[in-house]
Amino acid sequence: GINKNNGRVSGVITEKGAIEAEIVVNSAGLWGREVGKMAGVNVPLHAAEHYYLLTEPIEGVHPELPIIEDFGRYSYFREEVGGLLVGFFEPVAAPWGMDGIPKDFSFGEIKPDWDRMMPYIELATERIPILQNVGIHKFFCGPESFTPDGGPLLGESPELENFYVAAGLNSLGILQGGGVGKIMAQWIVRFLLEVFVHVNLHNNLNNRWVKCVQPAFAGCGSLESLSSPLSSTLGGSQVSLSFILTGRR
């Protein structure tokens, strides 16, 4: 659990007892929303099925090959042990664990749905035709945590002071983890960032910002552009709500 005092986090409760802490960072991944609930903090992410396949070795494929991303075909490609790893981002991914994620779940697999994924496999072969002639070594389905707009959830929570969130990396945790760690350290220690990580759109009444349209991230197709909270006032404008949590200092 999470201990609180006068609107500020004061520690965590573990199986071995309570630990006092001036600052707590929720980096619980798939469990981020559940950990947030312990503190009365809303963390808008959920787990969804995420697929990739690994081919048999392909002549000429080597580790120096560039990573290819084709958002129009909902797929990405990279070298893996002499073959190709082909990952997929479905336009409407299947949710998983909505009734709660087992505490002991780790590196588990979900039975893949070949019928549902075949259209995306066919799209991938349009980009990399050799996939039609190579064997599949592994077809994997496992849960990843996703956010409504495909952006990570970073920063101090609005509901509880000194309770920070670093979660919802949308299956890009290995790619983004180092940078996220650096940003969070700067944020917590100095509240001074080297990069611009959020726009406080939900509190911005400037029509030039709120009325602009930002297409949904094509790689996370279930993540449609979200309506601005002011859409009814401003004529039904659409805006993508990205990188959530804004500090209050």
Foldseek 3Di string as FASTA:
>chain_A
DWDADPQATFWDADPVGTDGDRAAEQAPWQCSQVVCVVVPFGDAKHKFKWKKFWFDADPPADQPDDKADDLVLQWIWHDDPRTIIITGADLATGTPQPVHDDPPDDPDFDPDDCVVCVSSVVSVCVVVVCVVVTGIPDMTMDMGMAGLQQAFAFDATPRGPNYIYGYHNPPCCVVCVVVRVVQNVCCVPPVDGPDDQADPQLPDPPCVPQQDEDAGRSNNNNNGFAFRPCCVVVPNGTHRHHHDHDDDD
